[in-house]
Amino acid sequence: MIPGLGGMNPRQMERMMQQMGIKSTGIDASEVIIRKKDGSELVVSSPQVTLIDMQGQKSLQISGEITERAGGPSEDDIKLVMEQAKCTRDKALAALKETKGDIAAAILKLQG
């Protein structure tokens, strides 16, 4: 039973939502990552994700353990710059930071 809903069981709640045109579907996810504009990320571990469709308007409800990671270039981007520019990891990382994550500009900077 769902607390605060007057003893309504989950099946009754589901039926009531369907009558109001609200559909909810569980999504099997192992991790949810939200990339923020500042480059940092919110990571939701062991998430419970529900897709809610209310009269054509879709939204996600996500709950779980939330941690925040600092922004910066991904390991794949760093490795690509290292391979293409034939440089060290430190130089690749510095070039990516200077070019604000622009891989092509970082490679050109290190090659020229």
PDB file of N, CA and C in Angstrom:
ATOM      1  N   MET A   1       0.822  -1.185   0.000  1.00  0.00           N
ATOM      2  CA  MET A   1       0.000   0.000   0.000  1.00  0.00           C
ATOM      3  C   MET A   1       0.865   1.248   0.000  1.00  0.00           C
ATOM      4  N   ILE A   2       0.367   2.287  -0.598  1.00  0.00           N
ATOM      5  CA  ILE A   2       1.089   3.550  -0.685  1.00  0.00           C
ATOM      6  C   ILE A   2       0.641   4.447   0.462  1.00  0.00           C
ATOM      7  N   PRO A   3       1.586   4.884   1.321  1.00  0.00           N
ATOM      8  CA  PRO A   3       1.198   5.737   2.452  1.00  0.00           C
ATOM      9  C   PRO A   3       0.546   7.031   1.988  1.00  0.00           C
ATOM     10  N   GLY A   4      -0.446   7.477   2.725  1.00  0.00           N
ATOM     11  CA  GLY A   4      -1.072   8.761   2.441  1.00  0.00           C
ATOM     12  C   GLY A   4      -2.135   8.711   1.362  1.00  0.00           C
ATOM     13  N   LEU A   5      -2.425   7.502   0.827  1.00  0.00           N
ATOM     14  CA  LEU A   5      -3.448   7.415  -0.217  1.00  0.00           C
ATOM     15  C   LEU A   5      -4.669   6.640   0.269  1.00  0.00           C
ATOM     16  N   GLY A   6      -4.923   6.701   1.560  1.00  0.00           N
ATOM     17  CA  GLY A   6      -6.133   6.123   2.114  1.00  0.00           C
ATOM     18  C   GLY A   6      -6.268   4.633   1.907  1.00  0.00           C
ATOM     19  N   GLY A   7      -5.184   3.889   1.998  1.00  0.00           N
ATOM     20  CA  GLY A   7      -5.255   2.440   1.890  1.00  0.00           C
ATOM     21  C   GLY A   7      -5.359   1.935   0.459  1.00  0.00           C
ATOM     22  N   MET A   8      -5.115   2.770  -0.532  1.00  0.00           N
ATOM     23  CA  MET A   8      -5.210   2.363  -1.927  1.00  0.00           C
ATOM     24  C   MET A   8      -4.014   1.463  -2.262  1.00  0.00           C
ATOM     25  N   ASN A   9      -4.295   0.298  -2.840  1.00  0.00           N
ATOM     26  CA  ASN A   9      -3.190  -0.584  -3.200  1.00  0.00           C
ATOM     27  C   ASN A   9      -2.611  -0.179  -4.553  1.00  0.00           C
ATOM     28  N   PRO A  10      -1.416  -0.645  -4.891  1.00  0.00           N
ATOM     29  CA  PRO A  10      -0.758  -0.228  -6.134  1.00  0.00           C
ATOM     30  C   PRO A  10      -1.581  -0.507  -7.388  1.00  0.00           C
ATOM     31  N   ARG A  11      -2.326  -1.628  -7.417  1.00  0.00           N
ATOM     32  CA  ARG A  11      -3.152  -1.917  -8.607  1.00  0.00           C
ATOM     33  C   ARG A  11      -4.268  -0.892  -8.775  1.00  0.00           C
ATOM     34  N   GLN A  12      -4.899  -0.512  -7.661  1.00  0.00           N
ATOM     35  CA  GLN A  12      -5.947   0.511  -7.724  1.00  0.00           C
ATOM     36  C   GLN A  12      -5.361   1.830  -8.205  1.00  0.00           C
ATOM     37  N   MET A  13      -4.177   2.161  -7.699  1.00  0.00           N
ATOM     38  CA  MET A  13      -3.507   3.403  -8.093  1.00  0.00           C
ATOM     39  C   MET A  13      -3.206   3.391  -9.586  1.00  0.00           C
ATOM     40  N   GLU A  14      -2.719   2.251 -10.089  1.00  0.00           N
ATOM     41  CA  GLU A  14      -2.411   2.113 -11.517  1.00  0.00           C
ATOM     42  C   GLU A  14      -3.672   2.293 -12.360  1.00  0.00           C
ATOM     43  N   ARG A  15      -4.780   1.669 -11.949  1.00  0.00           N
ATOM     44  CA  ARG A  15      -6.046   1.802 -12.678  1.00  0.00           C
ATOM     45  C   ARG A  15      -6.535   3.243 -12.692  1.00  0.00           C
ATOM     46  N   MET A  16      -6.437   3.911 -11.539  1.00  0.00           N
ATOM     47  CA  MET A  16      -6.867   5.301 -11.448  1.00  0.00           C
ATOM     48  C   MET A  16      -6.028   6.189 -12.366  1.00  0.00           C
ATOM     49  N   MET A  17      -4.712   5.934 -12.399  1.00  0.00           N
ATOM     50  CA  MET A  17      -3.842   6.724 -13.269  1.00  0.00           C
ATOM     51  C   MET A  17      -4.194   6.499 -14.737  1.00  0.00           C
ATOM     52  N   GLN A  18      -4.484   5.248 -15.116  1.00  0.00           N
ATOM     53  CA  GLN A  18      -4.865   4.960 -16.503  1.00  0.00           C
ATOM     54  C   GLN A  18      -6.154   5.680 -16.873  1.00  0.00           C
ATOM     55  N   GLN A  19      -7.106   5.736 -15.960  1.00  0.00           N
ATOM     56  CA  GLN A  19      -8.367   6.429 -16.221  1.00  0.00           C
ATOM     57  C   GLN A  19      -8.139   7.921 -16.447  1.00  0.00           C
ATOM     58  N   MET A  20      -7.123   8.477 -15.807  1.00  0.00           N
ATOM     59  CA  MET A  20      -6.810   9.895 -15.975  1.00  0.00           C
ATOM     60  C   MET A  20      -5.876  10.130 -17.165  1.00  0.00           C
ATOM     61  N   GLY A  21      -5.552   9.075 -17.914  1.00  0.00           N
ATOM     62  CA  GLY A  21      -4.683   9.219 -19.072  1.00  0.00           C
ATOM     63  C   GLY A  21      -3.208   9.268 -18.729  1.00  0.00           C
ATOM     64  N   ILE A  22      -2.853   8.730 -17.583  1.00  0.00           N
ATOM     65  CA  ILE A  22      -1.449   8.729 -17.157  1.00  0.00           C
ATOM     66  C   ILE A  22      -0.928   7.306 -17.233  1.00  0.00           C
ATOM     67  N   LYS A  23       0.148   7.129 -18.000  1.00  0.00           N
ATOM     68  CA  LYS A  23       0.771   5.813 -18.117  1.00  0.00           C
ATOM     69  C   LYS A  23       2.151   5.889 -17.481  1.00  0.00           C
ATOM     70  N   SER A  24       2.517   4.862 -16.731  1.00  0.00           N
ATOM     71  CA  SER A  24       3.863   4.826 -16.170  1.00  0.00           C
ATOM     72  C   SER A  24       4.491   3.483 -16.510  1.00  0.00           C
ATOM     73  N   THR A  25       5.761   3.542 -16.886  1.00  0.00           N
ATOM     74  CA  THR A  25       6.503   2.354 -17.270  1.00  0.00           C
ATOM     75  C   THR A  25       7.844   2.361 -16.564  1.00  0.00           C
ATOM     76  N   GLY A  26       8.178   1.263 -15.930  1.00  0.00           N
ATOM     77  CA  GLY A  26       9.482   1.149 -15.286  1.00  0.00           C
ATOM     78  C   GLY A  26      10.562   0.929 -16.335  1.00  0.00           C
ATOM     79  N   ILE A  27      11.715   1.523 -16.113  1.00  0.00           N
ATOM     80  CA  ILE A  27      12.852   1.362 -17.021  1.00  0.00           C
ATOM     81  C   ILE A  27      13.963   0.686 -16.235  1.00  0.00           C
ATOM     82  N   ASP A  28      14.471  -0.426 -16.771  1.00  0.00           N
ATOM     83  CA  ASP A  28      15.546  -1.159 -16.119  1.00  0.00           C
ATOM     84  C   ASP A  28      16.868  -0.469 -16.436  1.00  0.00           C
ATOM     85  N   ALA A  29      17.428   0.222 -15.455  1.00  0.00           N
ATOM     86  CA  ALA A  29      18.667   0.977 -15.661  1.00  0.00           C
ATOM     87  C   ALA A  29      19.674   0.615 -14.582  1.00  0.00           C
ATOM     88  N   SER A  30      20.959   0.613 -14.954  1.00  0.00           N
ATOM     89  CA  SER A  30      21.994   0.321 -13.967  1.00  0.00           C
ATOM     90  C   SER A  30      22.614   1.598 -13.423  1.00  0.00           C
ATOM     91  N   GLU A  31      22.523   2.688 -14.202  1.00  0.00           N
ATOM     92  CA  GLU A  31      23.097   3.969 -13.792  1.00  0.00           C
ATOM     93  C   GLU A  31      22.468   5.071 -14.632  1.00  0.00           C
ATOM     94  N   VAL A  32      22.267   6.231 -14.023  1.00  0.00           N
ATOM     95  CA  VAL A  32      21.752   7.392 -14.752  1.00  0.00           C
ATOM     96  C   VAL A  32      22.761   8.516 -14.570  1.00  0.00           C
ATOM     97  N   ILE A  33      23.163   9.139 -15.688  1.00  0.00           N
ATOM     98  CA  ILE A  33      24.129  10.236 -15.637  1.00  0.00           C
ATOM     99  C   ILE A  33      23.485  11.479 -16.220  1.00  0.00           C
ATOM    100  N   ILE A  34      23.528  12.572 -15.463  1.00  0.00           N
ATOM    101  CA  ILE A  34      22.999  13.853 -15.921  1.00  0.00           C
ATOM    102  C   ILE A  34      24.189  14.788 -16.055  1.00  0.00           C
ATOM    103  N   ARG A  35      24.452  15.252 -17.281  1.00  0.00           N
ATOM    104  CA  ARG A  35      25.560  16.167 -17.525  1.00  0.00           C
ATOM    105  C   ARG A  35      25.057  17.600 -17.379  1.00  0.00           C
ATOM    106  N   LYS A  36      25.694  18.331 -16.479  1.00  0.00           N
ATOM    107  CA  LYS A  36      25.288  19.707 -16.221  1.00  0.00           C
ATOM    108  C   LYS A  36      26.066  20.643 -17.153  1.00  0.00           C
ATOM    109  N   LYS A  37      25.556  21.848 -17.332  1.00  0.00           N
ATOM    110  CA  LYS A  37      26.181  22.808 -18.244  1.00  0.00           C
ATOM    111  C   LYS A  37      27.597  23.174 -17.842  1.00  0.00           C
ATOM    112  N   ASP A  38      27.924  23.079 -16.551  1.00  0.00           N
ATOM    113  CA  ASP A  38      29.272  23.428 -16.108  1.00  0.00           C
ATOM    114  C   ASP A  38      30.266  22.289 -16.321  1.00  0.00           C
ATOM    115  N   GLY A  39      29.810  21.180 -16.917  1.00  0.00           N
ATOM    116  CA  GLY A  39      30.691  20.060 -17.204  1.00  0.00           C
ATOM    117  C   GLY A  39      30.678  18.982 -16.133  1.00  0.00           C
ATOM    118  N   SER A  40      30.134  19.285 -14.960  1.00  0.00           N
ATOM    119  CA  SER A  40      30.063  18.268 -13.917  1.00  0.00           C
ATOM    120  C   SER A  40      28.895  17.323 -14.221  1.00  0.00           C
ATOM    121  N   GLU A  41      28.866  16.214 -13.508  1.00  0.00           N
ATOM    122  CA  GLU A  41      27.826  15.222 -13.732  1.00  0.00           C
ATOM    123  C   GLU A  41      27.192  14.805 -12.416  1.00  0.00           C
ATOM    124  N   LEU A  42      25.895  14.545 -12.476  1.00  0.00           N
ATOM    125  CA  LEU A  42      25.187  13.908 -11.373  1.00  0.00           C
ATOM    126  C   LEU A  42      25.034  12.448 -11.769  1.00  0.00           C
ATOM    127  N   VAL A  43      25.468  11.543 -10.892  1.00  0.00           N
ATOM    128  CA  VAL A  43      25.405  10.118 -11.176  1.00  0.00           C
ATOM    129  C   VAL A  43      24.443   9.471 -10.176  1.00  0.00           C
ATOM    130  N   VAL A  44      23.439   8.774 -10.696  1.00  0.00           N
ATOM    131  CA  VAL A  44      22.474   8.085  -9.851  1.00  0.00           C
ATOM    132  C   VAL A  44      22.777   6.596  -9.955  1.00  0.00           C
ATOM    133  N   SER A  45      23.270   6.020  -8.851  1.00  0.00           N
ATOM    134  CA  SER A  45      23.589   4.596  -8.804  1.00  0.00           C
ATOM    135  C   SER A  45      22.371   3.815  -8.327  1.00  0.00           C
ATOM    136  N   SER A  46      22.256   2.585  -8.792  1.00  0.00           N
ATOM    137  CA  SER A  46      21.122   1.717  -8.444  1.00  0.00           C
ATOM    138  C   SER A  46      19.799   2.475  -8.577  1.00  0.00           C
ATOM    139  N   PRO A  47      19.553   3.076  -9.762  1.00  0.00           N
ATOM    140  CA  PRO A  47      18.363   3.922  -9.902  1.00  0.00           C
ATOM    141  C   PRO A  47      17.069   3.128 -10.059  1.00  0.00           C
ATOM    142  N   GLN A  48      15.996   3.754  -9.622  1.00  0.00           N
ATOM    143  CA  GLN A  48      14.652   3.300  -9.930  1.00  0.00           C
ATOM    144  C   GLN A  48      14.104   4.370 -10.869  1.00  0.00           C
ATOM    145  N   VAL A  49      13.884   3.996 -12.130  1.00  0.00           N
ATOM    146  CA  VAL A  49      13.484   4.967 -13.148  1.00  0.00           C
ATOM    147  C   VAL A  49      12.089   4.619 -13.655  1.00  0.00           C
ATOM    148  N   THR A  50      11.235   5.638 -13.691  1.00  0.00           N
ATOM    149  CA  THR A  50       9.877   5.464 -14.195  1.00  0.00           C
ATOM    150  C   THR A  50       9.607   6.516 -15.259  1.00  0.00           C
ATOM    151  N   LEU A  51       9.163   6.063 -16.434  1.00  0.00           N
ATOM    152  CA  LEU A  51       8.750   6.960 -17.512  1.00  0.00           C
ATOM    153  C   LEU A  51       7.261   7.220 -17.329  1.00  0.00           C
ATOM    154  N   ILE A  52       6.891   8.477 -17.211  1.00  0.00           N
ATOM    155  CA  ILE A  52       5.489   8.856 -17.006  1.00  0.00           C
ATOM    156  C   ILE A  52       5.005   9.610 -18.239  1.00  0.00           C
ATOM    157  N   ASP A  53       3.947   9.109 -18.852  1.00  0.00           N
ATOM    158  CA  ASP A  53       3.356   9.731 -20.039  1.00  0.00           C
ATOM    159  C   ASP A  53       1.976  10.233 -19.639  1.00  0.00           C
ATOM    160  N   MET A  54       1.852  11.573 -19.529  1.00  0.00           N
ATOM    161  CA  MET A  54       0.592  12.191 -19.120  1.00  0.00           C
ATOM    162  C   MET A  54       0.081  13.011 -20.291  1.00  0.00           C
ATOM    163  N   GLN A  55      -0.875  12.446 -21.014  1.00  0.00           N
ATOM    164  CA  GLN A  55      -1.499  13.104 -22.154  1.00  0.00           C
ATOM    165  C   GLN A  55      -0.459  13.596 -23.165  1.00  0.00           C
ATOM    166  N   GLY A  56       0.515  12.722 -23.479  1.00  0.00           N
ATOM    167  CA  GLY A  56       1.532  13.047 -24.477  1.00  0.00           C
ATOM    168  C   GLY A  56       2.751  13.749 -23.933  1.00  0.00           C
ATOM    169  N   GLN A  57       2.692  14.251 -22.729  1.00  0.00           N
ATOM    170  CA  GLN A  57       3.840  14.915 -22.095  1.00  0.00           C
ATOM    171  C   GLN A  57       4.600  13.859 -21.307  1.00  0.00           C
ATOM    172  N   LYS A  58       5.852  13.595 -21.718  1.00  0.00           N
ATOM    173  CA  LYS A  58       6.635  12.555 -21.063  1.00  0.00           C
ATOM    174  C   LYS A  58       7.625  13.159 -20.070  1.00  0.00           C
ATOM    175  N   SER A  59       7.781  12.473 -18.945  1.00  0.00           N
ATOM    176  CA  SER A  59       8.770  12.889 -17.947  1.00  0.00           C
ATOM    177  C   SER A  59       9.342  11.637 -17.295  1.00  0.00           C
ATOM    178  N   LEU A  60      10.474  11.822 -16.648  1.00  0.00           N
ATOM    179  CA  LEU A  60      11.123  10.722 -15.946  1.00  0.00           C
ATOM    180  C   LEU A  60      11.134  11.005 -14.456  1.00  0.00           C
ATOM    181  N   GLN A  61      10.903   9.977 -13.689  1.00  0.00           N
ATOM    182  CA  GLN A  61      11.053  10.060 -12.243  1.00  0.00           C
ATOM    183  C   GLN A  61      12.212   9.140 -11.900  1.00  0.00           C
ATOM    184  N   ILE A  62      13.247   9.694 -11.260  1.00  0.00           N
ATOM    185  CA  ILE A  62      14.459   8.942 -10.962  1.00  0.00           C
ATOM    186  C   ILE A  62      14.760   9.053  -9.476  1.00  0.00           C
ATOM    187  N   SER A  63      15.011   7.919  -8.843  1.00  0.00           N
ATOM    188  CA  SER A  63      15.443   7.937  -7.451  1.00  0.00           C
ATOM    189  C   SER A  63      16.586   6.941  -7.301  1.00  0.00           C
ATOM    190  N   GLY A  64      17.440   7.188  -6.335  1.00  0.00           N
ATOM    191  CA  GLY A  64      18.582   6.321  -6.091  1.00  0.00           C
ATOM    192  C   GLY A  64      19.655   7.091  -5.349  1.00  0.00           C
ATOM    193  N   GLU A  65      20.851   6.507  -5.287  1.00  0.00           N
ATOM    194  CA  GLU A  65      21.979   7.158  -4.619  1.00  0.00           C
ATOM    195  C   GLU A  65      22.627   8.150  -5.581  1.00  0.00           C
ATOM    196  N   ILE A  66      22.658   9.434  -5.209  1.00  0.00           N
ATOM    197  CA  ILE A  66      23.166  10.479  -6.106  1.00  0.00           C
ATOM    198  C   ILE A  66      24.532  10.950  -5.634  1.00  0.00           C
ATOM    199  N   THR A  67      25.484  10.963  -6.574  1.00  0.00           N
ATOM    200  CA  THR A  67      26.807  11.536  -6.310  1.00  0.00           C
ATOM    201  C   THR A  67      27.116  12.531  -7.417  1.00  0.00           C
ATOM    202  N   GLU A  68      28.020  13.450  -7.146  1.00  0.00           N
ATOM    203  CA  GLU A  68      28.394  14.451  -8.146  1.00  0.00           C
ATOM    204  C   GLU A  68      29.856  14.258  -8.514  1.00  0.00           C
ATOM    205  N   ARG A  69      30.121  14.307  -9.830  1.00  0.00           N
ATOM    206  CA  ARG A  69      31.495  14.193 -10.325  1.00  0.00           C
ATOM    207  C   ARG A  69      31.888  15.519 -10.946  1.00  0.00           C
ATOM    208  N   ALA A  70      33.128  15.895 -10.713  1.00  0.00           N
ATOM    209  CA  ALA A  70      33.643  17.136 -11.298  1.00  0.00           C
ATOM    210  C   ALA A  70      33.712  16.983 -12.815  1.00  0.00           C
ATOM    211  N   GLY A  71      33.582  18.097 -13.503  1.00  0.00           N
ATOM    212  CA  GLY A  71      33.624  18.069 -14.958  1.00  0.00           C
ATOM    213  C   GLY A  71      35.028  17.925 -15.491  1.00  0.00           C
ATOM    214  N   GLY A  72      35.124  17.735 -16.762  1.00  0.00           N
ATOM    215  CA  GLY A  72      36.413  17.600 -17.414  1.00  0.00           C
ATOM    216  C   GLY A  72      36.296  16.640 -18.573  1.00  0.00           C
ATOM    217  N   PRO A  73      37.356  16.536 -19.347  1.00  0.00           N
ATOM    218  CA  PRO A  73      37.336  15.653 -20.519  1.00  0.00           C
ATOM    219  C   PRO A  73      37.197  14.188 -20.102  1.00  0.00           C
ATOM    220  N   SER A  74      36.555  13.407 -20.938  1.00  0.00           N
ATOM    221  CA  SER A  74      36.399  11.979 -20.658  1.00  0.00           C
ATOM    222  C   SER A  74      37.711  11.254 -20.959  1.00  0.00           C
ATOM    223  N   GLU A  75      37.847  10.072 -20.414  1.00  0.00           N
ATOM    224  CA  GLU A  75      39.057   9.267 -20.658  1.00  0.00           C
ATOM    225  C   GLU A  75      39.186   8.939 -22.137  1.00  0.00           C
ATOM    226  N   ASP A  76      38.060   8.681 -22.800  1.00  0.00           N
ATOM    227  CA  ASP A  76      38.104   8.382 -24.240  1.00  0.00           C
ATOM    228  C   ASP A  76      38.654   9.570 -25.027  1.00  0.00           C
ATOM    229  N   ASP A  77      38.231  10.786 -24.666  1.00  0.00           N
ATOM    230  CA  ASP A  77      38.727  11.988 -25.350  1.00  0.00           C
ATOM    231  C   ASP A  77      40.225  12.159 -25.120  1.00  0.00           C
ATOM    232  N   ILE A  78      40.660  11.943 -23.893  1.00  0.00           N
ATOM    233  CA  ILE A  78      42.089  12.089 -23.565  1.00  0.00           C
ATOM    234  C   ILE A  78      42.909  11.075 -24.354  1.00  0.00           C
ATOM    235  N   LYS A  79      42.454   9.821 -24.398  1.00  0.00           N
ATOM    236  CA  LYS A  79      43.181   8.774 -25.130  1.00  0.00           C
ATOM    237  C   LYS A  79      43.253   9.087 -26.618  1.00  0.00           C
ATOM    238  N   LEU A  80      42.152   9.593 -27.170  1.00  0.00           N
ATOM    239  CA  LEU A  80      42.137   9.935 -28.596  1.00  0.00           C
ATOM    240  C   LEU A  80      43.151  11.030 -28.902  1.00  0.00           C
ATOM    241  N   VAL A  81      43.191  12.070 -28.078  1.00  0.00           N
ATOM    242  CA  VAL A  81      44.153  13.160 -28.285  1.00  0.00           C
ATOM    243  C   VAL A  81      45.583  12.625 -28.135  1.00  0.00           C
ATOM    244  N   MET A  82      45.809  11.773 -27.147  1.00  0.00           N
ATOM    245  CA  MET A  82      47.140  11.184 -26.940  1.00  0.00           C
ATOM    246  C   MET A  82      47.592  10.407 -28.178  1.00  0.00           C
ATOM    247  N   GLU A  83      46.691   9.586 -28.723  1.00  0.00           N
ATOM    248  CA  GLU A  83      47.019   8.766 -29.894  1.00  0.00           C
ATOM    249  C   GLU A  83      47.282   9.634 -31.120  1.00  0.00           C
ATOM    250  N   GLN A  84      46.398  10.584 -31.369  1.00  0.00           N
ATOM    251  CA  GLN A  84      46.509  11.401 -32.576  1.00  0.00           C
ATOM    252  C   GLN A  84      47.688  12.373 -32.525  1.00  0.00           C
ATOM    253  N   ALA A  85      47.940  12.951 -31.352  1.00  0.00           N
ATOM    254  CA  ALA A  85      49.020  13.942 -31.231  1.00  0.00           C
ATOM    255  C   ALA A  85      50.324  13.307 -30.757  1.00  0.00           C
ATOM    256  N   LYS A  86      50.267  12.011 -30.453  1.00  0.00           N
ATOM    257  CA  LYS A  86      51.447  11.282 -29.973  1.00  0.00           C
ATOM    258  C   LYS A  86      52.113  12.025 -28.812  1.00  0.00           C
ATOM    259  N   CYS A  87      51.334  12.208 -27.755  1.00  0.00           N
ATOM    260  CA  CYS A  87      51.814  12.963 -26.602  1.00  0.00           C
ATOM    261  C   CYS A  87      51.457  12.252 -25.304  1.00  0.00           C
ATOM    262  N   THR A  88      51.902  12.797 -24.210  1.00  0.00           N
ATOM    263  CA  THR A  88      51.608  12.233 -22.898  1.00  0.00           C
ATOM    264  C   THR A  88      50.181  12.558 -22.482  1.00  0.00           C
ATOM    265  N   ARG A  89      49.727  11.852 -21.476  1.00  0.00           N
ATOM    266  CA  ARG A  89      48.394  12.082 -20.953  1.00  0.00           C
ATOM    267  C   ARG A  89      48.271  13.502 -20.404  1.00  0.00           C
ATOM    268  N   ASP A  90      49.287  13.953 -19.669  1.00  0.00           N
ATOM    269  CA  ASP A  90      49.255  15.297 -19.085  1.00  0.00           C
ATOM    270  C   ASP A  90      49.128  16.377 -20.148  1.00  0.00           C
ATOM    271  N   LYS A  91      49.881  16.217 -21.258  1.00  0.00           N
ATOM    272  CA  LYS A  91      49.804  17.216 -22.334  1.00  0.00           C
ATOM    273  C   LYS A  91      48.439  17.180 -23.012  1.00  0.00           C
ATOM    274  N   ALA A  92      47.909  15.977 -23.223  1.00  0.00           N
ATOM    275  CA  ALA A  92      46.586  15.849 -23.846  1.00  0.00           C
ATOM    276  C   ALA A  92      45.516  16.483 -22.963  1.00  0.00           C
ATOM    277  N   LEU A  93      45.583  16.219 -21.666  1.00  0.00           N
ATOM    278  CA  LEU A  93      44.612  16.781 -20.729  1.00  0.00           C
ATOM    279  C   LEU A  93      44.695  18.300 -20.686  1.00  0.00           C
ATOM    280  N   ALA A  94      45.910  18.836 -20.652  1.00  0.00           N
ATOM    281  CA  ALA A  94      46.092  20.292 -20.622  1.00  0.00           C
ATOM    282  C   ALA A  94      45.534  20.935 -21.895  1.00  0.00           C
ATOM    283  N   ALA A  95      45.793  20.304 -23.048  1.00  0.00           N
ATOM    284  CA  ALA A  95      45.303  20.851 -24.319  1.00  0.00           C
ATOM    285  C   ALA A  95      43.770  20.811 -24.372  1.00  0.00           C
ATOM    286  N   LEU A  96      43.184  19.730 -23.871  1.00  0.00           N
ATOM    287  CA  LEU A  96      41.721  19.642 -23.854  1.00  0.00           C
ATOM    288  C   LEU A  96      41.119  20.694 -22.930  1.00  0.00           C
ATOM    289  N   LYS A  97      41.757  20.948 -21.817  1.00  0.00           N
ATOM    290  CA  LYS A  97      41.248  21.980 -20.902  1.00  0.00           C
ATOM    291  C   LYS A  97      41.362  23.359 -21.538  1.00  0.00           C
ATOM    292  N   GLU A  98      42.490  23.628 -22.213  1.00  0.00           N
ATOM    293  CA  GLU A  98      42.688  24.931 -22.873  1.00  0.00           C
ATOM    294  C   GLU A  98      41.680  25.161 -23.994  1.00  0.00           C
ATOM    295  N   THR A  99      41.312  24.085 -24.682  1.00  0.00           N
ATOM    296  CA  THR A  99      40.386  24.212 -25.812  1.00  0.00           C
ATOM    297  C   THR A  99      38.939  23.910 -25.401  1.00  0.00           C
ATOM    298  N   LYS A 100      38.713  23.865 -24.088  1.00  0.00           N
ATOM    299  CA  LYS A 100      37.374  23.632 -23.536  1.00  0.00           C
ATOM    300  C   LYS A 100      36.733  22.353 -24.082  1.00  0.00           C
ATOM    301  N   GLY A 101      37.554  21.300 -24.188  1.00  0.00           N
ATOM    302  CA  GLY A 101      37.057  19.998 -24.611  1.00  0.00           C
ATOM    303  C   GLY A 101      36.974  19.777 -26.104  1.00  0.00           C
ATOM    304  N   ASP A 102      37.412  20.741 -26.904  1.00  0.00           N
ATOM    305  CA  ASP A 102      37.378  20.605 -28.366  1.00  0.00           C
ATOM    306  C   ASP A 102      38.523  19.679 -28.785  1.00  0.00           C
ATOM    307  N   ILE A 103      38.192  18.455 -29.136  1.00  0.00           N
ATOM    308  CA  ILE A 103      39.202  17.437 -29.444  1.00  0.00           C
ATOM    309  C   ILE A 103      40.060  17.833 -30.632  1.00  0.00           C
ATOM    310  N   ALA A 104      39.427  18.266 -31.721  1.00  0.00           N
ATOM    311  CA  ALA A 104      40.179  18.632 -32.925  1.00  0.00           C
ATOM    312  C   ALA A 104      41.137  19.791 -32.644  1.00  0.00           C
ATOM    313  N   ALA A 105      40.661  20.786 -31.920  1.00  0.00           N
ATOM    314  CA  ALA A 105      41.517  21.939 -31.600  1.00  0.00           C
ATOM    315  C   ALA A 105      42.670  21.522 -30.702  1.00  0.00           C
ATOM    316  N   ALA A 106      42.423  20.600 -29.777  1.00  0.00           N
ATOM    317  CA  ALA A 106      43.474  20.121 -28.893  1.00  0.00           C
ATOM    318  C   ALA A 106      44.560  19.391 -29.676  1.00  0.00           C
ATOM    319  N   ILE A 107      44.140  18.546 -30.617  1.00  0.00           N
ATOM    320  CA  ILE A 107      45.098  17.806 -31.446  1.00  0.00           C
ATOM    321  C   ILE A 107      45.919  18.764 -32.289  1.00  0.00           C
ATOM    322  N   LEU A 108      45.255  19.724 -32.937  1.00  0.00           N
ATOM    323  CA  LEU A 108      45.971  20.707 -33.768  1.00  0.00           C
ATOM    324  C   LEU A 108      46.950  21.526 -32.918  1.00  0.00           C
ATOM    325  N   LYS A 109      46.541  21.888 -31.737  1.00  0.00           N
ATOM    326  CA  LYS A 109      47.399  22.675 -30.836  1.00  0.00           C
ATOM    327  C   LYS A 109      48.669  21.905 -30.515  1.00  0.00           C
ATOM    328  N   LEU A 110      48.523  20.611 -30.245  1.00  0.00           N
ATOM    329  CA  LEU A 110      49.683  19.796 -29.877  1.00  0.00           C
ATOM    330  C   LEU A 110      50.556  19.448 -31.090  1.00  0.00           C
ATOM    331  N   GLN A 111      49.979  19.395 -32.255  1.00  0.00           N
ATOM    332  CA  GLN A 111      50.743  19.065 -33.457  1.00  0.00           C
ATOM    333  C   GLN A 111      51.462  20.279 -34.035  1.00  0.00           C
ATOM    334  N   GLY A 112      50.924  21.454 -33.761  1.00  0.00           N
ATOM    335  CA  GLY A 112      51.496  22.666 -34.362  1.00  0.00           C
ATOM    336  C   GLY A 112      52.340  23.330 -33.427  1.00  0.00           C
TER     337      GLY A 112
END
